[in-house]
Amino acid sequence: MKKHRCGWCVGDPLYEAYHDKEWGVPVKDDPTLFEFLVLETFQAGLSWITVLRKRENFRKAFDQFDYKKIANYDQHKIEALLRDPGIIRNKLKVNATVSNANAFMEIQKEFGSFSKYIWGFVGNRPIKNKWENYKDAPATTSLSDTISKDLKRRGFKFVGSTVIYAHMQATGMVNDHEINCFRYHEV
């Protein structure tokens, strides 16, 4: 019997694998949270599949998303990234990644981990929505607005409410799987 998946991923093997194994699974380790934050930043204005297809290239280009290394990137490294055809070469987003790595570490200093900070917004428990169709899920919520504003206040860039809501979905802070999707109850 064929498994029912959320409609947004059906038909593309890479999308389906991402949906089946990662999307909506609660992530509480800082390195993975940072990776998703970077990827969501680069996704702004583009489709997620575009970023997903370049994910391995991003991992290589950005030192496996090691925020400690990224925070120290110099102009030479930034220019090399802007010449890398394997990633999305957007100067503002590359520079934002460097400054976001620094802001990420500042949050770690203040809260002990980025995970404690970000998951604190949901009381350390995923919000479980009940969408029959993925198209009914919002692009933003009042909570993503709040998190976005707080991150911006802390020096983050490219973290608008839509980016933050996508981050919340990807990292399992919110379960937006369709209720008849096989992953809905698994995550």
Protein backbone atom coordinates (compact mmCIF):
# COMPACT_ATOMS: atom_id res chain seq x y z
CA MET A 1 0.00 0.00 0.00
CA LYS A 2 1.31 3.43 -0.96
CA LYS A 3 2.03 5.87 1.86
CA HIS A 4 0.24 9.20 1.76
CA ARG A 5 2.62 12.16 1.90
CA CYS A 6 2.07 15.89 2.17
CA GLY A 7 1.21 17.19 -1.29
CA TRP A 8 4.11 19.65 -1.51
CA CYS A 9 6.75 16.93 -1.86
CA VAL A 10 5.06 14.35 -4.07
CA GLY A 11 6.76 13.49 -7.33
CA ASP A 12 10.37 14.42 -6.66
CA PRO A 13 12.53 11.71 -5.04
CA LEU A 14 14.79 14.24 -3.29
CA TYR A 15 11.81 16.16 -1.92
CA GLU A 16 10.11 12.93 -0.81
CA ALA A 17 13.24 11.70 0.98
CA TYR A 18 13.63 15.05 2.75
CA HIS A 19 9.95 14.97 3.74
CA ASP A 20 10.08 11.35 4.92
CA LYS A 21 13.27 11.63 6.98
CA GLU A 22 13.81 15.23 8.08
CA TRP A 23 10.98 17.72 7.65
CA GLY A 24 9.14 18.31 10.88
CA VAL A 25 11.40 16.12 13.03
CA PRO A 26 12.24 18.05 16.22
CA VAL A 27 15.85 19.27 16.03
CA LYS A 28 17.49 20.36 19.25
CA ASP A 29 21.20 20.29 18.44
CA ASP A 30 22.79 23.63 17.66
CA PRO A 31 24.81 22.60 14.58
CA THR A 32 21.72 21.29 12.77
CA LEU A 33 19.62 24.27 13.84
CA PHE A 34 22.30 26.54 12.38
CA GLU A 35 22.41 24.55 9.14
CA PHE A 36 18.66 24.91 8.68
CA LEU A 37 18.81 28.60 9.53
CA VAL A 38 21.46 29.14 6.85
CA LEU A 39 19.56 27.10 4.28
CA GLU A 40 16.29 28.89 5.03
CA THR A 41 18.11 32.21 4.67
CA PHE A 42 19.34 31.25 1.21
CA GLN A 43 15.89 29.95 0.31
CA ALA A 44 14.29 33.39 0.83
CA GLY A 45 12.69 34.32 -2.48
CA LEU A 46 13.45 30.92 -4.04
CA SER A 47 11.95 27.44 -3.88
CA TRP A 48 13.08 25.00 -1.19
CA ILE A 49 13.89 22.35 -3.82
CA THR A 50 16.47 24.75 -5.31
CA VAL A 51 18.27 24.89 -1.96
CA LEU A 52 17.83 21.18 -1.31
CA ARG A 53 19.51 20.32 -4.62
CA LYS A 54 22.50 22.46 -3.62
CA ARG A 55 22.62 21.34 0.03
CA GLU A 56 25.75 19.20 -0.30
CA ASN A 57 27.51 22.03 -2.12
CA PHE A 58 26.51 24.39 0.69
CA ARG A 59 27.91 21.96 3.25
CA LYS A 60 31.27 21.87 1.45
CA ALA A 61 31.39 25.60 0.78
CA PHE A 62 30.43 26.56 4.35
CA ASP A 63 32.69 24.13 6.24
CA GLN A 64 29.85 21.74 7.12
CA PHE A 65 27.99 24.74 8.60
CA ASP A 66 30.56 25.11 11.38
CA TYR A 67 29.35 28.44 12.77
CA LYS A 68 32.61 29.00 14.67
CA LYS A 69 34.57 28.89 11.41
CA ILE A 70 31.93 30.84 9.49
CA ALA A 71 31.98 33.64 12.08
CA ASN A 72 35.65 34.20 11.20
CA TYR A 73 35.34 34.23 7.41
CA ASP A 74 37.37 37.04 5.90
CA GLN A 75 36.76 38.95 2.69
CA HIS A 76 38.89 36.48 0.71
CA LYS A 77 36.66 33.56 1.81
CA ILE A 78 33.48 35.57 1.14
CA GLU A 79 34.70 36.38 -2.37
CA ALA A 80 35.49 32.70 -2.97
CA LEU A 81 31.95 31.79 -1.92
CA LEU A 82 30.55 34.37 -4.33
CA ARG A 83 32.43 32.64 -7.16
CA ASP A 84 31.21 29.15 -6.18
CA PRO A 85 28.68 27.97 -8.80
CA GLY A 86 27.54 25.16 -6.49
CA ILE A 87 25.74 27.51 -4.11
CA ILE A 88 23.35 30.44 -4.40
CA ARG A 89 25.71 33.35 -4.92
CA ASN A 90 23.93 36.22 -3.23
CA LYS A 91 26.32 38.69 -1.61
CA LEU A 92 23.81 39.88 0.99
CA LYS A 93 22.94 36.32 2.02
CA VAL A 94 26.59 35.23 2.20
CA ASN A 95 27.44 38.24 4.36
CA ALA A 96 24.33 37.61 6.48
CA THR A 97 25.51 34.04 7.09
CA VAL A 98 28.78 35.33 8.53
CA SER A 99 27.10 37.91 10.76
CA ASN A 100 24.39 35.39 11.76
CA ALA A 101 27.09 32.95 12.88
CA ASN A 102 28.37 35.60 15.27
CA ALA A 103 24.87 36.42 16.52
CA PHE A 104 24.18 32.68 16.91
CA MET A 105 27.18 32.34 19.24
CA GLU A 106 26.05 35.38 21.24
CA ILE A 107 22.72 33.64 21.87
CA GLN A 108 24.61 30.52 22.92
CA LYS A 109 26.55 32.58 25.46
CA GLU A 110 23.37 34.11 26.85
CA PHE A 111 21.14 31.00 26.92
CA GLY A 112 23.63 28.13 27.07
CA SER A 113 22.58 26.96 23.60
CA PHE A 114 20.67 28.25 20.61
CA SER A 115 18.33 25.30 21.07
CA LYS A 116 17.28 26.50 24.55
CA TYR A 117 16.65 29.95 23.14
CA ILE A 118 14.63 28.98 20.06
CA TRP A 119 12.69 26.11 21.64
CA GLY A 120 11.81 28.38 24.57
CA PHE A 121 9.37 30.16 22.25
CA VAL A 122 7.25 26.98 22.07
CA GLY A 123 7.72 25.85 25.66
CA ASN A 124 10.14 23.15 24.44
CA ARG A 125 7.26 21.24 22.81
CA PRO A 126 6.24 21.16 19.15
CA ILE A 127 3.03 22.90 18.14
CA LYS A 128 0.83 20.28 16.47
CA ASN A 129 -1.41 21.73 13.78
CA LYS A 130 -4.20 19.87 12.00
CA TRP A 131 -4.08 20.72 8.31
CA GLU A 132 -5.99 18.56 5.85
CA ASN A 133 -4.13 20.19 2.97
CA TYR A 134 -0.63 21.64 3.17
CA LYS A 135 -1.90 24.71 1.29
CA ASP A 136 -3.92 25.64 4.38
CA ALA A 137 -0.78 26.09 6.50
CA PRO A 138 0.18 29.74 6.92
CA ALA A 139 3.39 31.31 5.66
CA THR A 140 3.75 33.24 8.93
CA THR A 141 2.17 33.31 12.38
CA SER A 142 2.21 35.77 15.24
CA LEU A 143 4.83 33.51 16.87
CA SER A 144 7.10 33.56 13.81
CA ASP A 145 6.65 37.35 13.78
CA THR A 146 7.80 37.49 17.43
CA ILE A 147 10.82 35.22 16.87
CA SER A 148 11.80 37.12 13.73
CA LYS A 149 11.71 40.45 15.56
CA ASP A 150 13.76 39.08 18.43
CA LEU A 151 16.39 37.59 16.13
CA LYS A 152 16.66 40.87 14.20
CA ARG A 153 17.03 42.75 17.48
CA ARG A 154 19.93 40.40 18.24
CA GLY A 155 21.65 41.22 14.94
CA PHE A 156 20.40 38.46 12.62
CA LYS A 157 19.72 39.25 8.97
CA PHE A 158 17.41 37.58 6.42
CA VAL A 159 15.25 36.19 9.21
CA GLY A 160 11.85 37.56 8.24
CA SER A 161 8.73 35.91 9.57
CA THR A 162 8.33 33.65 6.50
CA VAL A 163 11.91 32.39 6.82
CA ILE A 164 11.40 31.77 10.53
CA TYR A 165 8.11 29.91 10.03
CA ALA A 166 9.78 27.68 7.42
CA HIS A 167 12.60 27.09 9.94
CA MET A 168 10.03 26.17 12.59
CA GLN A 169 8.41 23.67 10.20
CA ALA A 170 11.72 22.16 9.09
CA THR A 171 13.07 21.75 12.63
CA GLY A 172 9.87 20.36 14.12
CA MET A 173 8.97 23.33 16.29
CA VAL A 174 5.65 23.09 14.50
CA ASN A 175 4.14 19.96 12.96
CA ASP A 176 2.54 21.05 9.70
CA HIS A 177 2.32 17.62 8.11
CA GLU A 178 -1.12 17.01 6.65
CA ILE A 179 -3.21 15.01 9.13
CA ASN A 180 -3.49 12.09 6.71
CA CYS A 181 0.27 12.08 5.97
CA PHE A 182 2.05 9.01 7.34
CA ARG A 183 4.57 11.32 9.06
CA TYR A 184 1.96 13.33 10.99
CA HIS A 185 1.86 10.97 13.97
CA GLU A 186 5.48 9.83 13.61
CA VAL A 187 6.91 13.26 14.36
